[in-house]
Amino acid sequence: MKIAFNQATTMKHSTLELDLAYCEKHGYDGIEIRLDKLKDYLRRHRPQELKAFFERSALRPLAFNALEQISFRDEESFRQIVNDLKFLGEIGGIIGCRTVIVVPAFDVGDYTKQAIKDETVRALRHLADLARPYGLRLAFEFVGYPNCSVNTFGQAYDIVRAADRDNVGIVLDCFHFHAMNSRLEDLRQADPADIFVFHIDDCEDLPAGALRDRHRVWPGQGCIDLDAILRTLKEIGYGEMASVELFRPEYWEWDIERAIRTGYETASRVVRSYFPPVKA
């Protein structure tokens, strides 16, 4: 299993240029590019410069992160989602990034689970059909908060399967999996080909429903049973890439290189117990 870096981990002070340089220096295999950091980068650079970086580097673009709250949108706000998807499709075609992470709605009110499923499937199918001409895949990420409309692995995977598009899969994030008590038995039933992105992280020991992104910590330094998750992934045949994603404000204040180096070192120690290093 390879190791990737998600730019949320250095979100406050870093840039795409710095994250690329330090990820390359410290041995990462991939990077998840934040939409806001990409737009900031393109104020100073042409897309072809980013393409040239990836052509000369061993670092690969894993995914764009993220189109948020794709469901329960009015027509005008959904149009912005569509515009951002097309923008990412164009840039992705240039730099060779073919996966976009998409996130469901929050605070939707008193909708039934079936209504949430129907609306989320509708939105995913619509976006998946728009993404196809660009060669894009959509990686659907549930969020382990009580107010997220889709907040467990089982619920999210049921939606992904109902969407019935070969360019729609799921994001498995260890924090979100733990935060609302997703079940390992649901992960065991998953087709590994449907797992488009795997986020590795850890967290403080708070009750289910109380955890928020600020409670994330480096892999292996918290209470998540990462061994059980990694063991299950190995059992079902998933071994692609683990992407370090933390949103901890404390870490945003660290020296950027220190944060990126620490992410690689901590993730590698955890992952290598189950998956040996793989280099292209």
Protein backbone atom coordinates (compact mmCIF):
# COMPACT_ATOMS: atom_id res chain seq x y z
CA MET A 1 0.00 0.00 0.00
CA LYS A 2 1.33 3.41 -0.98
CA ILE A 3 1.17 6.56 1.17
CA ALA A 4 -0.49 9.81 0.09
CA PHE A 5 -1.00 13.23 1.64
CA ASN A 6 -4.23 15.20 1.91
CA GLN A 7 -3.72 18.96 1.92
CA ALA A 8 -6.22 19.46 4.76
CA THR A 9 -3.38 18.38 7.05
CA THR A 10 -1.50 21.66 6.37
CA MET A 11 -4.55 23.66 5.38
CA LYS A 12 -4.08 26.97 7.20
CA HIS A 13 -0.65 28.22 6.13
CA SER A 14 0.64 26.04 3.30
CA THR A 15 0.27 26.21 -0.47
CA LEU A 16 0.10 23.59 -3.18
CA GLU A 17 3.67 24.45 -4.18
CA LEU A 18 5.01 23.82 -0.68
CA ASP A 19 2.99 20.67 -0.14
CA LEU A 20 4.19 19.24 -3.44
CA ALA A 21 7.83 19.98 -2.66
CA TYR A 22 7.78 18.49 0.83
CA CYS A 23 5.68 15.47 -0.14
CA GLU A 24 8.17 14.70 -2.88
CA LYS A 25 11.11 15.18 -0.49
CA HIS A 26 9.71 12.90 2.20
CA GLY A 27 8.73 9.99 -0.01
CA TYR A 28 4.97 10.22 -0.48
CA ASP A 29 3.50 8.40 -3.46
CA GLY A 30 0.40 10.57 -3.94
CA ILE A 31 -1.31 13.82 -3.01
CA GLU A 32 -4.94 14.83 -2.66
CA ILE A 33 -5.30 18.35 -4.04
CA ARG A 34 -7.75 20.67 -2.28
CA LEU A 35 -10.00 22.67 -4.59
CA ASP A 36 -9.24 25.95 -2.79
CA LYS A 37 -5.48 25.33 -2.89
CA LEU A 38 -5.69 24.47 -6.60
CA LYS A 39 -7.53 27.70 -7.41
CA ASP A 40 -4.97 29.63 -5.37
CA TYR A 41 -2.11 27.93 -7.24
CA LEU A 42 -3.63 28.79 -10.61
CA ARG A 43 -3.55 32.49 -9.74
CA ARG A 44 0.25 32.24 -10.00
CA HIS A 45 0.81 29.34 -12.39
CA ARG A 46 -0.54 27.75 -15.54
CA PRO A 47 -2.00 24.23 -15.42
CA GLN A 48 0.83 23.07 -17.67
CA GLU A 49 3.32 23.89 -14.91
CA LEU A 50 1.50 21.51 -12.59
CA LYS A 51 1.47 18.92 -15.35
CA ALA A 52 5.23 19.34 -15.78
CA PHE A 53 5.78 18.79 -12.05
CA PHE A 54 3.95 15.48 -12.07
CA GLU A 55 5.69 14.38 -15.26
CA ARG A 56 9.12 14.73 -13.65
CA SER A 57 8.12 13.54 -10.16
CA ALA A 58 7.32 10.16 -8.66
CA LEU A 59 4.50 11.88 -6.78
CA ARG A 60 1.08 11.27 -8.34
CA PRO A 61 -2.20 13.24 -8.05
CA LEU A 62 -4.54 10.89 -6.19
CA ALA A 63 -7.75 12.94 -6.06
CA PHE A 64 -9.32 16.37 -5.91
CA ASN A 65 -10.94 17.18 -2.56
CA ALA A 66 -13.81 18.05 -2.52
CA LEU A 67 -17.21 18.98 -3.89
CA GLU A 68 -19.21 19.46 -0.72
CA GLN A 69 -22.90 19.03 0.10
CA ILE A 70 -23.84 17.71 -3.32
CA SER A 71 -27.37 16.72 -2.27
CA PHE A 72 -30.43 18.75 -1.25
CA ARG A 73 -29.22 21.72 -3.29
CA ASP A 74 -31.36 24.31 -5.01
CA GLU A 75 -30.85 24.82 -8.73
CA GLU A 76 -28.51 27.80 -8.40
CA SER A 77 -26.18 26.29 -5.81
CA PHE A 78 -26.12 22.94 -7.60
CA ARG A 79 -24.99 24.79 -10.73
CA GLN A 80 -21.85 25.84 -8.83
CA ILE A 81 -21.15 22.18 -8.01
CA VAL A 82 -21.49 21.36 -11.70
CA ASN A 83 -19.19 24.23 -12.67
CA ASP A 84 -16.54 23.10 -10.18
CA LEU A 85 -16.83 19.53 -11.45
CA LYS A 86 -16.24 20.67 -15.03
CA PHE A 87 -13.30 22.80 -13.89
CA LEU A 88 -11.75 19.80 -12.13
CA GLY A 89 -12.42 17.66 -15.18
CA GLU A 90 -10.47 20.09 -17.35
CA ILE A 91 -7.55 20.39 -14.93
CA GLY A 92 -7.61 16.68 -14.22
CA GLY A 93 -7.31 15.96 -17.91
CA ILE A 94 -4.15 18.06 -18.02
CA ILE A 95 -2.41 16.73 -14.90
CA GLY A 96 -3.72 13.15 -14.92
CA CYS A 97 -6.00 13.33 -11.88
CA ARG A 98 -9.16 11.30 -12.45
CA THR A 99 -10.89 11.16 -9.04
CA VAL A 100 -13.05 13.80 -7.34
CA ILE A 101 -14.25 13.38 -3.76
CA VAL A 102 -17.89 14.37 -3.20
CA VAL A 103 -19.61 14.88 0.15
CA PRO A 104 -23.31 14.64 1.12
CA ALA A 105 -25.46 17.35 2.72
CA PHE A 106 -25.68 18.32 6.38
CA ASP A 107 -28.65 19.52 8.46
CA VAL A 108 -31.27 18.44 5.95
CA GLY A 109 -34.15 18.31 8.42
CA ASP A 110 -36.72 15.59 8.95
CA TYR A 111 -36.13 13.47 5.87
CA THR A 112 -36.43 9.72 6.17
CA LYS A 113 -33.46 7.49 5.44
CA GLN A 114 -35.14 6.43 2.22
CA ALA A 115 -35.66 10.04 1.14
CA ILE A 116 -32.01 10.79 1.87
CA LYS A 117 -30.97 7.76 -0.13
CA ASP A 118 -33.18 8.70 -3.08
CA GLU A 119 -31.92 12.30 -3.20
CA THR A 120 -28.27 11.34 -2.78
CA VAL A 121 -28.49 8.66 -5.47
CA ARG A 122 -30.12 11.20 -7.80
CA ALA A 123 -27.34 13.73 -7.23
CA LEU A 124 -24.59 11.13 -7.64
CA ARG A 125 -26.04 9.82 -10.90
CA HIS A 126 -26.39 13.32 -12.30
CA LEU A 127 -22.81 14.26 -11.44
CA ALA A 128 -21.43 10.88 -12.52
CA ASP A 129 -22.98 11.29 -15.96
CA LEU A 130 -21.50 14.78 -16.26
CA ALA A 131 -18.12 13.48 -15.06
CA ARG A 132 -17.92 10.63 -17.55
CA PRO A 133 -16.85 12.64 -20.62
CA TYR A 134 -13.89 13.91 -18.60
CA GLY A 135 -12.93 10.39 -17.54
CA LEU A 136 -13.60 11.29 -13.92
CA ARG A 137 -14.58 9.04 -11.03
CA LEU A 138 -16.60 10.26 -8.05
CA ALA A 139 -15.51 9.08 -4.60
CA PHE A 140 -18.44 9.49 -2.19
CA GLU A 141 -17.36 10.36 1.37
CA PHE A 142 -19.72 9.89 4.30
CA VAL A 143 -19.03 12.12 7.32
CA GLY A 144 -19.25 10.69 10.84
CA TYR A 145 -21.22 13.55 12.36
CA PRO A 146 -24.79 13.13 13.65
CA ASN A 147 -25.98 16.02 11.46
CA CYS A 148 -24.57 14.62 8.22
CA SER A 149 -27.26 13.04 6.06
CA VAL A 150 -24.96 10.07 5.32
CA ASN A 151 -22.77 9.25 8.31
CA THR A 152 -21.87 5.53 8.31
CA PHE A 153 -20.01 3.27 5.91
CA GLY A 154 -22.99 0.93 5.53
CA GLN A 155 -25.38 3.74 4.63
CA ALA A 156 -22.89 5.26 2.19
CA TYR A 157 -22.06 1.97 0.50
CA ASP A 158 -25.73 1.19 0.05
CA ILE A 159 -26.10 4.54 -1.74
CA VAL A 160 -23.04 3.92 -3.91
CA ARG A 161 -24.39 0.55 -5.01
CA ALA A 162 -27.83 2.01 -5.69
CA ALA A 163 -26.28 4.74 -7.83
CA ASP A 164 -25.14 1.92 -10.13
CA ARG A 165 -22.46 3.87 -11.98
CA ASP A 166 -19.03 2.37 -12.60
CA ASN A 167 -17.46 5.78 -11.98
CA VAL A 168 -19.00 6.11 -8.49
CA GLY A 169 -17.24 4.58 -5.49
CA ILE A 170 -16.71 5.26 -1.81
CA VAL A 171 -14.18 6.98 0.44
CA LEU A 172 -13.21 5.02 3.53
CA ASP A 173 -12.00 7.49 6.16
CA CYS A 174 -10.89 5.87 9.43
CA PHE A 175 -12.01 8.88 11.51
CA HIS A 176 -15.49 8.97 9.99
CA PHE A 177 -15.74 5.18 10.16
CA HIS A 178 -14.99 5.27 13.90
CA ALA A 179 -16.92 8.44 14.77
CA MET A 180 -20.43 7.03 14.25
CA ASN A 181 -19.66 3.37 14.92
CA SER A 182 -19.58 2.06 11.37
CA ARG A 183 -19.38 -1.73 11.32
CA LEU A 184 -16.44 -3.84 10.20
CA GLU A 185 -18.90 -6.43 8.92
CA ASP A 186 -20.15 -3.85 6.39
CA LEU A 187 -16.57 -3.20 5.25
CA ARG A 188 -16.01 -6.95 4.91
CA GLN A 189 -18.93 -7.11 2.47
CA ALA A 190 -17.50 -4.35 0.25
CA ASP A 191 -15.96 -4.91 -3.16
CA PRO A 192 -12.42 -3.47 -2.90
CA ALA A 193 -12.82 -2.04 -6.40
CA ASP A 194 -15.52 0.25 -4.99
CA ILE A 195 -13.08 1.86 -2.52
CA PHE A 196 -11.71 4.76 -4.55
CA VAL A 197 -9.92 6.58 -1.70
CA PHE A 198 -8.73 5.46 1.75
CA HIS A 199 -8.03 8.14 4.40
CA ILE A 200 -5.86 7.15 7.34
CA ASP A 201 -6.03 9.14 10.57
CA ASP A 202 -6.70 8.68 14.27
CA CYS A 203 -8.55 10.56 17.01
CA GLU A 204 -9.04 11.30 20.67
CA ASP A 205 -11.24 8.99 22.73
CA LEU A 206 -14.59 10.78 22.72
CA PRO A 207 -18.04 9.14 22.59
CA ALA A 208 -19.78 8.38 19.32
CA GLY A 209 -21.45 11.50 17.99
CA ALA A 210 -19.13 13.88 19.87
CA LEU A 211 -16.08 13.67 17.63
CA ARG A 212 -15.23 16.49 15.24
CA ASP A 213 -12.36 17.05 12.85
CA ARG A 214 -10.41 19.00 15.47
CA HIS A 215 -10.10 15.80 17.50
CA ARG A 216 -8.04 14.02 14.84
CA VAL A 217 -4.47 12.99 15.68
CA TRP A 218 -1.62 11.32 13.80
CA PRO A 219 -2.17 7.67 12.85
CA GLY A 220 -1.33 5.35 15.72
CA GLN A 221 -1.59 8.07 18.37
CA GLY A 222 -5.31 7.77 19.13
CA CYS A 223 -8.06 5.30 19.95
CA ILE A 224 -9.21 4.11 16.50
CA ASP A 225 -8.70 0.40 15.92
CA LEU A 226 -6.60 0.94 12.81
CA ASP A 227 -5.34 -2.63 13.04
CA ALA A 228 -8.86 -3.97 12.57
CA ILE A 229 -9.52 -1.67 9.61
CA LEU A 230 -6.22 -2.47 7.89
CA ARG A 231 -6.63 -6.19 8.59
CA THR A 232 -10.10 -6.09 7.02
CA LEU A 233 -8.83 -4.20 3.99
CA LYS A 234 -6.16 -6.83 3.50
CA GLU A 235 -8.73 -9.60 3.84
CA ILE A 236 -11.00 -8.14 1.15
CA GLY A 237 -8.09 -7.40 -1.19
CA TYR A 238 -7.72 -3.63 -0.99
CA GLY A 239 -4.13 -2.40 -0.95
CA GLU A 240 -3.92 0.71 -3.12
CA MET A 241 -3.08 3.86 -1.16
CA ALA A 242 -3.55 5.31 2.32
CA SER A 243 -3.92 9.10 2.36
CA VAL A 244 -3.07 11.03 5.55
CA GLU A 245 -5.93 13.45 6.27
CA LEU A 246 -6.10 15.52 9.45
CA PHE A 247 -7.93 18.77 10.21
CA ARG A 248 -6.35 19.45 13.61
CA PRO A 249 -5.80 23.20 14.20
CA GLU A 250 -2.78 22.43 16.41
CA TYR A 251 -1.03 20.76 13.49
CA TRP A 252 -1.84 23.67 11.15
CA GLU A 253 0.47 25.78 13.30
CA TRP A 254 3.38 23.38 12.96
CA ASP A 255 6.24 24.00 10.57
CA ILE A 256 4.89 22.70 7.25
CA GLU A 257 7.75 20.34 6.53
CA ARG A 258 7.54 18.91 10.05
CA ALA A 259 3.83 18.18 9.62
CA ILE A 260 4.31 16.52 6.25
CA ARG A 261 7.24 14.43 7.48
CA THR A 262 5.34 13.39 10.62
CA GLY A 263 2.33 12.36 8.56
CA TYR A 264 4.45 10.08 6.41
CA GLU A 265 6.32 8.56 9.34
CA THR A 266 3.25 7.85 11.47
CA ALA A 267 1.13 6.51 8.61
CA SER A 268 3.95 4.31 7.38
CA ARG A 269 4.49 2.74 10.80
CA VAL A 270 0.83 1.77 11.00
CA VAL A 271 0.36 0.66 7.40
CA ARG A 272 3.59 -1.33 7.06
CA SER A 273 2.42 -3.81 9.70
CA TYR A 274 -0.02 -5.11 7.07
CA PHE A 275 1.23 -3.88 3.71
CA PRO A 276 4.88 -3.78 2.64
CA PRO A 277 6.19 -0.73 0.75
CA VAL A 278 5.23 -0.50 -2.90
CA LYS A 279 7.02 1.81 -5.29
CA ALA A 280 6.14 2.50 -8.88
